[in-house]
Amino acid sequence: MLDWKIGGVALGLVFFLAVLLVKPIGVSTQFVILDGIIGNAVNSELVVKTDEGYTSSNAYLAKSHGKYAKHVANPINYSFIFVLAMVLGAVGSTFTRKRDSKEDLSVSPVWKANFGENKWKRYAFSLVGGFVVLYGARLAGGCTSGHMMSGMMQTSLSGYIFTLGTFGAAIPTAMLIFKKG
């Protein structure tokens, strides 16, 4: 199994190269774009092309001179492909880890000690937690990858404040939830 320190350095290198060569990484907006793609498939008038570009009847998609509406109409771009690649990478990692290990990695020892061995309960909590994090990310105008990882790499004051707030909330929450282990 890959040592976490090597993984951390590799992640930092990927973020550095992305910021240096393309643009800062941020992914939560792409979930809004995916919602817009689905919405546009149901209601073809959600996103319309005008002489000035794209706009939408949805205020969020129409903001920034239709920037998000344009991405809904033309979703094949760096950010959207990046999010799809993250999902595929996670799936690939899961299958690789399961092949290398005989133990069930879907439920960690800390989770087992606190909540039992039911992996479907773990999946349900992970799904709900993911939605809560995504909702909070949209309220904050970005996600941990944009605010924390890319923001700190660019020495953004808001990135450091966001990181302090994230860990200031996450550590006590984890200590309350995972009392055993």
N, C-alpha and C. Protein backbone atom coordinates (compact mmCIF):
# COMPACT_ATOMS: atom_id res chain seq x y z
N MET A 1 0.83 -1.17 0.00
CA MET A 1 0.00 0.00 0.00
C MET A 1 0.89 1.25 0.00
N LEU A 2 0.43 2.30 -0.66
CA LEU A 2 1.18 3.55 -0.79
C LEU A 2 1.27 4.27 0.55
N ASP A 3 2.44 4.66 0.93
CA ASP A 3 2.65 5.42 2.16
C ASP A 3 1.95 6.77 2.05
N TRP A 4 1.28 7.22 3.11
CA TRP A 4 0.51 8.46 3.06
C TRP A 4 1.39 9.67 2.79
N LYS A 5 2.66 9.62 3.21
CA LYS A 5 3.55 10.76 2.96
C LYS A 5 3.85 10.90 1.46
N ILE A 6 4.04 9.77 0.80
CA ILE A 6 4.29 9.79 -0.65
C ILE A 6 3.04 10.30 -1.36
N GLY A 7 1.88 9.83 -0.92
CA GLY A 7 0.61 10.29 -1.50
C GLY A 7 0.42 11.78 -1.30
N GLY A 8 0.78 12.30 -0.12
CA GLY A 8 0.65 13.73 0.15
C GLY A 8 1.55 14.58 -0.74
N VAL A 9 2.78 14.14 -0.90
CA VAL A 9 3.72 14.86 -1.78
C VAL A 9 3.21 14.80 -3.23
N ALA A 10 2.73 13.63 -3.64
CA ALA A 10 2.21 13.50 -5.01
C ALA A 10 1.00 14.42 -5.23
N LEU A 11 0.11 14.48 -4.25
CA LEU A 11 -1.06 15.36 -4.35
C LEU A 11 -0.62 16.83 -4.44
N GLY A 12 0.33 17.21 -3.60
CA GLY A 12 0.84 18.58 -3.65
C GLY A 12 1.47 18.91 -5.00
N LEU A 13 2.20 17.96 -5.55
CA LEU A 13 2.83 18.15 -6.87
C LEU A 13 1.77 18.32 -7.96
N VAL A 14 0.72 17.51 -7.91
CA VAL A 14 -0.36 17.62 -8.89
C VAL A 14 -1.02 19.00 -8.80
N PHE A 15 -1.31 19.45 -7.59
CA PHE A 15 -1.92 20.78 -7.43
C PHE A 15 -0.98 21.87 -7.92
N PHE A 16 0.30 21.77 -7.60
CA PHE A 16 1.27 22.76 -8.05
C PHE A 16 1.32 22.81 -9.58
N LEU A 17 1.41 21.65 -10.21
CA LEU A 17 1.46 21.61 -11.68
C LEU A 17 0.17 22.15 -12.30
N ALA A 18 -0.97 21.83 -11.69
CA ALA A 18 -2.24 22.34 -12.22
C ALA A 18 -2.29 23.86 -12.15
N VAL A 19 -1.91 24.41 -11.00
CA VAL A 19 -1.92 25.87 -10.84
C VAL A 19 -0.91 26.51 -11.79
N LEU A 20 0.25 25.91 -11.92
CA LEU A 20 1.31 26.46 -12.76
C LEU A 20 0.96 26.37 -14.26
N LEU A 21 0.44 25.23 -14.69
CA LEU A 21 0.26 24.99 -16.12
C LEU A 21 -1.14 25.27 -16.67
N VAL A 22 -2.16 25.12 -15.84
CA VAL A 22 -3.53 25.28 -16.37
C VAL A 22 -4.27 26.36 -15.60
N LYS A 23 -4.77 25.99 -14.42
CA LYS A 23 -5.48 26.94 -13.56
C LYS A 23 -5.66 26.28 -12.20
N PRO A 24 -6.03 27.04 -11.18
CA PRO A 24 -6.26 26.44 -9.86
C PRO A 24 -7.37 25.38 -9.93
N ILE A 25 -7.20 24.34 -9.12
CA ILE A 25 -8.18 23.26 -9.10
C ILE A 25 -9.31 23.63 -8.14
N GLY A 26 -10.51 23.43 -8.59
CA GLY A 26 -11.72 23.56 -7.79
C GLY A 26 -12.79 22.71 -8.46
N VAL A 27 -13.50 21.93 -7.68
CA VAL A 27 -14.41 20.98 -8.32
C VAL A 27 -15.88 21.16 -7.98
N SER A 28 -16.22 21.84 -6.90
CA SER A 28 -17.64 21.87 -6.51
C SER A 28 -18.52 22.55 -7.55
N THR A 29 -18.01 23.51 -8.28
CA THR A 29 -18.80 24.16 -9.32
C THR A 29 -19.22 23.17 -10.40
N GLN A 30 -18.43 22.14 -10.60
CA GLN A 30 -18.77 21.17 -11.65
C GLN A 30 -20.01 20.36 -11.29
N PHE A 31 -20.34 20.26 -10.00
CA PHE A 31 -21.59 19.60 -9.62
C PHE A 31 -22.77 20.49 -9.99
N VAL A 32 -22.60 21.80 -9.90
CA VAL A 32 -23.63 22.73 -10.36
C VAL A 32 -23.79 22.60 -11.87
N ILE A 33 -22.68 22.48 -12.58
CA ILE A 33 -22.73 22.31 -14.03
C ILE A 33 -23.46 21.01 -14.38
N LEU A 34 -23.17 19.94 -13.66
CA LEU A 34 -23.86 18.67 -13.90
C LEU A 34 -25.36 18.81 -13.65
N ASP A 35 -25.73 19.50 -12.57
CA ASP A 35 -27.16 19.78 -12.33
C ASP A 35 -27.76 20.54 -13.49
N GLY A 36 -27.02 21.52 -14.00
CA GLY A 36 -27.49 22.31 -15.14
C GLY A 36 -27.65 21.47 -16.39
N ILE A 37 -26.74 20.54 -16.62
CA ILE A 37 -26.83 19.65 -17.78
C ILE A 37 -28.10 18.81 -17.68
N ILE A 38 -28.34 18.26 -16.50
CA ILE A 38 -29.55 17.46 -16.28
C ILE A 38 -30.80 18.34 -16.44
N GLY A 39 -30.77 19.53 -15.83
CA GLY A 39 -31.90 20.45 -15.94
C GLY A 39 -32.16 20.87 -17.38
N ASN A 40 -31.10 21.10 -18.13
CA ASN A 40 -31.23 21.50 -19.53
C ASN A 40 -31.77 20.36 -20.39
N ALA A 41 -31.47 19.11 -20.00
CA ALA A 41 -32.01 17.96 -20.72
C ALA A 41 -33.52 17.85 -20.50
N VAL A 42 -33.97 18.24 -19.30
CA VAL A 42 -35.40 18.19 -18.98
C VAL A 42 -36.12 19.41 -19.56
N ASN A 43 -35.50 20.57 -19.46
CA ASN A 43 -36.08 21.82 -19.95
C ASN A 43 -35.09 22.47 -20.90
N SER A 44 -35.29 22.29 -22.18
CA SER A 44 -34.33 22.77 -23.18
C SER A 44 -34.21 24.30 -23.22
N GLU A 45 -35.07 25.01 -22.52
CA GLU A 45 -34.99 26.47 -22.48
C GLU A 45 -34.23 26.99 -21.26
N LEU A 46 -33.67 26.08 -20.45
CA LEU A 46 -32.93 26.50 -19.26
C LEU A 46 -31.70 27.31 -19.65
N VAL A 47 -30.97 26.87 -20.65
CA VAL A 47 -29.79 27.58 -21.14
C VAL A 47 -30.03 27.93 -22.60
N VAL A 48 -29.85 29.22 -22.92
CA VAL A 48 -30.06 29.66 -24.30
C VAL A 48 -28.84 30.45 -24.78
N LYS A 49 -28.57 30.34 -26.06
CA LYS A 49 -27.48 31.09 -26.68
C LYS A 49 -28.04 32.42 -27.18
N THR A 50 -27.35 33.51 -26.86
CA THR A 50 -27.74 34.84 -27.31
C THR A 50 -26.62 35.40 -28.18
N ASP A 51 -26.81 36.60 -28.67
CA ASP A 51 -25.76 37.25 -29.45
C ASP A 51 -24.52 37.53 -28.60
N GLU A 52 -24.73 37.75 -27.29
CA GLU A 52 -23.61 38.05 -26.39
C GLU A 52 -22.94 36.80 -25.83
N GLY A 53 -23.54 35.64 -26.02
CA GLY A 53 -23.00 34.40 -25.45
C GLY A 53 -24.13 33.51 -24.97
N TYR A 54 -24.00 33.01 -23.74
CA TYR A 54 -25.02 32.13 -23.17
C TYR A 54 -25.64 32.80 -21.95
N THR A 55 -26.90 32.45 -21.68
CA THR A 55 -27.58 32.91 -20.48
C THR A 55 -28.55 31.82 -20.05
N SER A 56 -29.17 32.03 -18.90
CA SER A 56 -30.08 31.04 -18.37
C SER A 56 -31.21 31.72 -17.60
N SER A 57 -32.34 31.03 -17.51
CA SER A 57 -33.43 31.50 -16.67
C SER A 57 -33.10 31.27 -15.19
N ASN A 58 -32.09 30.47 -14.92
CA ASN A 58 -31.60 30.24 -13.57
C ASN A 58 -30.56 31.32 -13.25
N ALA A 59 -30.80 32.09 -12.21
CA ALA A 59 -29.92 33.22 -11.89
C ALA A 59 -28.47 32.79 -11.64
N TYR A 60 -28.29 31.63 -11.00
CA TYR A 60 -26.93 31.17 -10.71
C TYR A 60 -26.17 30.84 -11.99
N LEU A 61 -26.84 30.15 -12.91
CA LEU A 61 -26.18 29.81 -14.18
C LEU A 61 -25.94 31.04 -15.05
N ALA A 62 -26.79 32.06 -14.88
CA ALA A 62 -26.67 33.27 -15.69
C ALA A 62 -25.61 34.24 -15.17
N LYS A 63 -25.21 34.08 -13.88
CA LYS A 63 -24.26 35.05 -13.31
C LYS A 63 -22.91 34.99 -14.03
N SER A 64 -22.11 35.98 -13.79
CA SER A 64 -20.79 36.11 -14.43
C SER A 64 -20.90 36.11 -15.95
N HIS A 65 -21.87 36.84 -16.45
CA HIS A 65 -22.10 36.98 -17.89
C HIS A 65 -22.33 35.62 -18.58
N GLY A 66 -23.05 34.73 -17.87
CA GLY A 66 -23.41 33.44 -18.46
C GLY A 66 -22.29 32.42 -18.50
N LYS A 67 -21.26 32.62 -17.68
CA LYS A 67 -20.12 31.70 -17.68
C LYS A 67 -20.55 30.27 -17.37
N TYR A 68 -21.40 30.09 -16.35
CA TYR A 68 -21.85 28.74 -15.99
C TYR A 68 -22.82 28.20 -17.04
N ALA A 69 -23.66 29.04 -17.58
CA ALA A 69 -24.59 28.61 -18.65
C ALA A 69 -23.79 28.11 -19.85
N LYS A 70 -22.69 28.77 -20.15
CA LYS A 70 -21.84 28.34 -21.27
C LYS A 70 -21.27 26.95 -20.99
N HIS A 71 -20.85 26.70 -19.74
CA HIS A 71 -20.31 25.39 -19.39
C HIS A 71 -21.38 24.31 -19.42
N VAL A 72 -22.63 24.67 -19.12
CA VAL A 72 -23.73 23.71 -19.22
C VAL A 72 -23.95 23.35 -20.68
N ALA A 73 -23.93 24.34 -21.54
CA ALA A 73 -24.14 24.09 -22.97
C ALA A 73 -22.96 23.35 -23.60
N ASN A 74 -21.75 23.60 -23.10
CA ASN A 74 -20.53 22.97 -23.63
C ASN A 74 -19.73 22.38 -22.47
N PRO A 75 -20.15 21.23 -21.93
CA PRO A 75 -19.53 20.73 -20.69
C PRO A 75 -18.16 20.10 -20.87
N ILE A 76 -17.74 19.83 -22.08
CA ILE A 76 -16.44 19.18 -22.26
C ILE A 76 -15.36 20.25 -22.14
N ASN A 77 -14.89 20.42 -20.91
CA ASN A 77 -13.83 21.39 -20.62
C ASN A 77 -12.91 20.79 -19.56
N TYR A 78 -11.83 21.46 -19.29
CA TYR A 78 -10.82 20.96 -18.35
C TYR A 78 -11.42 20.59 -17.00
N SER A 79 -12.20 21.47 -16.41
CA SER A 79 -12.72 21.24 -15.06
C SER A 79 -13.66 20.05 -14.99
N PHE A 80 -14.56 19.94 -15.97
CA PHE A 80 -15.53 18.85 -15.96
C PHE A 80 -14.83 17.51 -16.18
N ILE A 81 -13.88 17.46 -17.10
CA ILE A 81 -13.12 16.24 -17.36
C ILE A 81 -12.29 15.88 -16.13
N PHE A 82 -11.76 16.87 -15.43
CA PHE A 82 -10.99 16.64 -14.22
C PHE A 82 -11.84 15.93 -13.16
N VAL A 83 -13.09 16.39 -12.97
CA VAL A 83 -13.97 15.75 -11.99
C VAL A 83 -14.30 14.32 -12.40
N LEU A 84 -14.58 14.10 -13.68
CA LEU A 84 -14.83 12.74 -14.15
C LEU A 84 -13.61 11.85 -13.92
N ALA A 85 -12.43 12.39 -14.15
CA ALA A 85 -11.19 11.63 -13.94
C ALA A 85 -11.00 11.31 -12.45
N MET A 86 -11.40 12.22 -11.56
CA MET A 86 -11.32 11.95 -10.13
C MET A 86 -12.18 10.75 -9.76
N VAL A 87 -13.40 10.71 -10.29
CA VAL A 87 -14.31 9.59 -10.00
C VAL A 87 -13.71 8.29 -10.54
N LEU A 88 -13.24 8.31 -11.77
CA LEU A 88 -12.65 7.10 -12.35
C LEU A 88 -11.40 6.66 -11.58
N GLY A 89 -10.61 7.62 -11.13
CA GLY A 89 -9.43 7.30 -10.33
C GLY A 89 -9.79 6.66 -9.00
N ALA A 90 -10.85 7.16 -8.37
CA ALA A 90 -11.29 6.58 -7.10
C ALA A 90 -11.78 5.15 -7.29
N VAL A 91 -12.53 4.93 -8.36
CA VAL A 91 -13.01 3.58 -8.65
C VAL A 91 -11.83 2.65 -8.91
N GLY A 92 -10.88 3.11 -9.71
CA GLY A 92 -9.70 2.30 -10.00
C GLY A 92 -8.90 2.00 -8.74
N SER A 93 -8.76 2.98 -7.87
CA SER A 93 -8.05 2.79 -6.61
C SER A 93 -8.75 1.76 -5.73
N THR A 94 -10.07 1.82 -5.69
CA THR A 94 -10.84 0.86 -4.89
C THR A 94 -10.60 -0.56 -5.35
N PHE A 95 -10.68 -0.78 -6.66
CA PHE A 95 -10.46 -2.13 -7.17
C PHE A 95 -9.02 -2.60 -6.96
N THR A 96 -8.07 -1.70 -7.07
CA THR A 96 -6.67 -2.05 -6.87
C THR A 96 -6.43 -2.43 -5.41
N ARG A 97 -6.98 -1.66 -4.48
CA ARG A 97 -6.79 -1.94 -3.06
C ARG A 97 -7.45 -3.25 -2.66
N LYS A 98 -8.64 -3.51 -3.19
CA LYS A 98 -9.32 -4.76 -2.85
C LYS A 98 -8.55 -5.96 -3.35
N ARG A 99 -7.90 -5.84 -4.49
CA ARG A 99 -7.13 -6.94 -5.06
C ARG A 99 -5.87 -7.19 -4.22
N ASP A 100 -5.28 -6.13 -3.67
CA ASP A 100 -4.04 -6.25 -2.91
C ASP A 100 -4.27 -6.69 -1.46
N SER A 101 -5.49 -6.60 -0.97
CA SER A 101 -5.76 -6.88 0.44
C SER A 101 -6.90 -7.88 0.56
N LYS A 102 -6.78 -8.77 1.53
CA LYS A 102 -7.83 -9.75 1.75
C LYS A 102 -8.90 -9.20 2.70
N GLU A 103 -8.59 -8.16 3.47
CA GLU A 103 -9.57 -7.63 4.40
C GLU A 103 -10.54 -6.66 3.69
N ASP A 104 -11.71 -6.53 4.27
CA ASP A 104 -12.73 -5.63 3.72
C ASP A 104 -12.36 -4.20 4.08
N LEU A 105 -12.00 -3.40 3.09
CA LEU A 105 -11.55 -2.03 3.34
C LEU A 105 -12.69 -1.03 3.34
N SER A 106 -13.93 -1.49 3.12
CA SER A 106 -15.06 -0.56 3.07
C SER A 106 -15.44 -0.05 4.45
N VAL A 107 -15.04 -0.75 5.50
CA VAL A 107 -15.33 -0.32 6.87
C VAL A 107 -14.03 -0.32 7.66
N SER A 108 -13.57 0.86 8.05
CA SER A 108 -12.29 0.97 8.76
C SER A 108 -12.42 0.47 10.20
N PRO A 109 -11.30 0.12 10.82
CA PRO A 109 -11.34 -0.33 12.22
C PRO A 109 -11.95 0.71 13.17
N VAL A 110 -11.70 1.99 12.92
CA VAL A 110 -12.26 3.04 13.77
C VAL A 110 -13.78 3.09 13.61
N TRP A 111 -14.26 2.96 12.38
CA TRP A 111 -15.71 2.94 12.14
C TRP A 111 -16.33 1.73 12.84
N LYS A 112 -15.70 0.56 12.69
CA LYS A 112 -16.21 -0.67 13.32
C LYS A 112 -16.32 -0.50 14.83
N ALA A 113 -15.31 0.09 15.45
CA ALA A 113 -15.31 0.27 16.90
C ALA A 113 -16.44 1.18 17.37
N ASN A 114 -16.82 2.15 16.54
CA ASN A 114 -17.84 3.12 16.94
C ASN A 114 -19.24 2.79 16.47
N PHE A 115 -19.37 2.18 15.29
CA PHE A 115 -20.69 2.00 14.68
C PHE A 115 -21.00 0.59 14.20
N GLY A 116 -20.07 -0.34 14.33
CA GLY A 116 -20.33 -1.71 13.90
C GLY A 116 -19.76 -1.99 12.52
N GLU A 117 -20.05 -3.21 12.02
CA GLU A 117 -19.44 -3.67 10.78
C GLU A 117 -20.32 -3.54 9.55
N ASN A 118 -21.49 -2.96 9.67
CA ASN A 118 -22.41 -2.86 8.54
C ASN A 118 -21.86 -1.87 7.51
N LYS A 119 -21.40 -2.38 6.35
CA LYS A 119 -20.81 -1.48 5.36
C LYS A 119 -21.86 -0.61 4.68
N TRP A 120 -23.12 -1.04 4.62
CA TRP A 120 -24.16 -0.21 4.00
C TRP A 120 -24.48 1.00 4.86
N LYS A 121 -24.38 0.83 6.17
CA LYS A 121 -24.53 1.97 7.08
C LYS A 121 -23.40 2.97 6.83
N ARG A 122 -22.19 2.44 6.65
CA ARG A 122 -21.02 3.29 6.35
C ARG A 122 -21.22 4.04 5.04
N TYR A 123 -21.71 3.32 4.01
CA TYR A 123 -21.95 3.96 2.72
C TYR A 123 -23.00 5.06 2.85
N ALA A 124 -24.07 4.78 3.60
CA ALA A 124 -25.15 5.77 3.77
C ALA A 124 -24.62 7.03 4.47
N PHE A 125 -23.85 6.84 5.54
CA PHE A 125 -23.28 7.99 6.25
C PHE A 125 -22.32 8.76 5.35
N SER A 126 -21.54 8.05 4.55
CA SER A 126 -20.60 8.71 3.63
C SER A 126 -21.35 9.52 2.58
N LEU A 127 -22.44 8.97 2.07
CA LEU A 127 -23.24 9.67 1.06
C LEU A 127 -23.86 10.94 1.65
N VAL A 128 -24.46 10.81 2.83
CA VAL A 128 -25.06 11.98 3.48
C VAL A 128 -23.98 13.02 3.81
N GLY A 129 -22.85 12.54 4.34
CA GLY A 129 -21.75 13.45 4.65
C GLY A 129 -21.24 14.18 3.41
N GLY A 130 -21.17 13.46 2.30
CA GLY A 130 -20.74 14.08 1.04
C GLY A 130 -21.68 15.19 0.60
N PHE A 131 -22.98 14.95 0.73
CA PHE A 131 -23.94 15.99 0.37
C PHE A 131 -23.85 17.20 1.30
N VAL A 132 -23.65 16.96 2.58
CA VAL A 132 -23.50 18.07 3.53
C VAL A 132 -22.27 18.90 3.19
N VAL A 133 -21.17 18.23 2.91
CA VAL A 133 -19.93 18.93 2.54
C VAL A 133 -20.12 19.72 1.24
N LEU A 134 -20.75 19.11 0.26
CA LEU A 134 -20.97 19.79 -1.02
C LEU A 134 -21.89 21.00 -0.84
N TYR A 135 -22.93 20.86 -0.03
CA TYR A 135 -23.84 21.98 0.24
C TYR A 135 -23.06 23.13 0.91
N GLY A 136 -22.26 22.78 1.90
CA GLY A 136 -21.45 23.79 2.58
C GLY A 136 -20.44 24.44 1.64
N ALA A 137 -19.87 23.64 0.76
CA ALA A 137 -18.91 24.17 -0.21
C ALA A 137 -19.57 25.19 -1.12
N ARG A 138 -20.78 24.91 -1.56
CA ARG A 138 -21.48 25.86 -2.44
C ARG A 138 -21.85 27.12 -1.66
N LEU A 139 -22.22 26.98 -0.38
CA LEU A 139 -22.49 28.17 0.43
C LEU A 139 -21.24 29.03 0.58
N ALA A 140 -20.09 28.37 0.68
CA ALA A 140 -18.82 29.09 0.83
C ALA A 140 -18.29 29.62 -0.49
N GLY A 141 -18.96 29.27 -1.60
CA GLY A 141 -18.50 29.74 -2.91
C GLY A 141 -17.33 28.94 -3.44
N GLY A 142 -17.15 27.74 -2.96
CA GLY A 142 -16.07 26.89 -3.44
C GLY A 142 -15.89 25.70 -2.53
N CYS A 143 -14.91 24.90 -2.82
CA CYS A 143 -14.72 23.65 -2.08
C CYS A 143 -13.34 23.61 -1.45
N THR A 144 -13.06 22.50 -0.76
CA THR A 144 -11.77 22.38 -0.10
C THR A 144 -10.62 22.39 -1.10
N SER A 145 -10.84 21.83 -2.29
CA SER A 145 -9.75 21.85 -3.26
C SER A 145 -9.48 23.26 -3.76
N GLY A 146 -10.53 24.04 -3.96
CA GLY A 146 -10.35 25.40 -4.44
C GLY A 146 -9.85 26.34 -3.35
N HIS A 147 -10.55 26.33 -2.21
CA HIS A 147 -10.18 27.25 -1.12
C HIS A 147 -8.91 26.81 -0.40
N MET A 148 -8.86 25.54 -0.04
CA MET A 148 -7.76 25.08 0.81
C MET A 148 -6.51 24.75 -0.01
N MET A 149 -6.63 23.79 -0.90
CA MET A 149 -5.44 23.31 -1.60
C MET A 149 -4.89 24.36 -2.58
N SER A 150 -5.72 24.78 -3.51
CA SER A 150 -5.24 25.78 -4.48
C SER A 150 -5.05 27.14 -3.83
N GLY A 151 -5.96 27.49 -2.92
CA GLY A 151 -5.88 28.80 -2.26
C GLY A 151 -4.62 28.97 -1.45
N MET A 152 -4.28 27.97 -0.65
CA MET A 152 -3.06 28.06 0.15
C MET A 152 -1.81 28.05 -0.73
N MET A 153 -1.87 27.27 -1.82
CA MET A 153 -0.73 27.22 -2.72
C MET A 153 -0.46 28.60 -3.35
N GLN A 154 -1.53 29.36 -3.52
CA GLN A 154 -1.40 30.70 -4.10
C GLN A 154 -1.21 31.75 -3.01
N THR A 155 -1.01 31.32 -1.77
CA THR A 155 -0.86 32.16 -0.58
C THR A 155 -2.03 33.14 -0.41
N SER A 156 -3.24 32.63 -0.66
CA SER A 156 -4.45 33.42 -0.50
C SER A 156 -4.85 33.46 0.97
N LEU A 157 -5.07 34.65 1.51
CA LEU A 157 -5.48 34.80 2.90
C LEU A 157 -6.78 34.03 3.14
N SER A 158 -7.73 34.11 2.19
CA SER A 158 -9.00 33.39 2.37
C SER A 158 -8.77 31.88 2.41
N GLY A 159 -7.77 31.39 1.70
CA GLY A 159 -7.43 29.96 1.73
C GLY A 159 -6.96 29.54 3.12
N TYR A 160 -6.12 30.37 3.75
CA TYR A 160 -5.65 30.05 5.09
C TYR A 160 -6.77 30.15 6.11
N ILE A 161 -7.63 31.15 5.99
CA ILE A 161 -8.77 31.30 6.91
C ILE A 161 -9.72 30.11 6.76
N PHE A 162 -10.01 29.73 5.51
CA PHE A 162 -10.88 28.58 5.25
C PHE A 162 -10.28 27.32 5.87
N THR A 163 -8.99 27.11 5.71
CA THR A 163 -8.32 25.92 6.25
C THR A 163 -8.40 25.88 7.77
N LEU A 164 -8.16 27.01 8.41
CA LEU A 164 -8.27 27.07 9.87
C LEU A 164 -9.70 26.75 10.31
N GLY A 165 -10.68 27.31 9.61
CA GLY A 165 -12.08 27.04 9.94
C GLY A 165 -12.44 25.57 9.72
N THR A 166 -11.95 25.00 8.64
CA THR A 166 -12.24 23.60 8.33
C THR A 166 -11.69 22.68 9.41
N PHE A 167 -10.42 22.83 9.73
CA PHE A 167 -9.83 21.97 10.75
C PHE A 167 -10.34 22.31 12.14
N GLY A 168 -10.66 23.58 12.37
CA GLY A 168 -11.23 23.98 13.66
C GLY A 168 -12.59 23.34 13.92
N ALA A 169 -13.32 23.03 12.87
CA ALA A 169 -14.61 22.34 13.01
C ALA A 169 -14.46 20.83 12.89
N ALA A 170 -13.59 20.36 12.00
CA ALA A 170 -13.47 18.93 11.71
C ALA A 170 -12.86 18.14 12.86
N ILE A 171 -11.84 18.67 13.49
CA ILE A 171 -11.16 17.92 14.55
C ILE A 171 -12.08 17.69 15.75
N PRO A 172 -12.73 18.72 16.30
CA PRO A 172 -13.64 18.44 17.42
C PRO A 172 -14.82 17.55 17.02
N THR A 173 -15.32 17.71 15.80
CA THR A 173 -16.42 16.86 15.33
C THR A 173 -15.99 15.40 15.27
N ALA A 174 -14.82 15.14 14.70
CA ALA A 174 -14.31 13.77 14.64
C ALA A 174 -14.09 13.20 16.04
N MET A 175 -13.61 14.03 16.96
CA MET A 175 -13.39 13.56 18.33
C MET A 175 -14.71 13.19 19.02
N LEU A 176 -15.77 13.94 18.72
CA LEU A 176 -17.09 13.63 19.28
C LEU A 176 -17.69 12.36 18.67
N ILE A 177 -17.58 12.24 17.36
CA ILE A 177 -18.22 11.12 16.66
C ILE A 177 -17.45 9.82 16.87
N PHE A 178 -16.14 9.88 16.79
CA PHE A 178 -15.31 8.67 16.90
C PHE A 178 -14.63 8.61 18.26
N LYS A 179 -15.41 8.37 19.31
CA LYS A 179 -14.86 8.32 20.65
C LYS A 179 -14.01 7.09 20.89
N LYS A 180 -14.37 5.98 20.26
CA LYS A 180 -13.60 4.73 20.39
C LYS A 180 -12.63 4.63 19.22
N GLY A 181 -11.45 4.13 19.48
CA GLY A 181 -10.49 3.92 18.39
C GLY A 181 -9.63 5.08 18.21
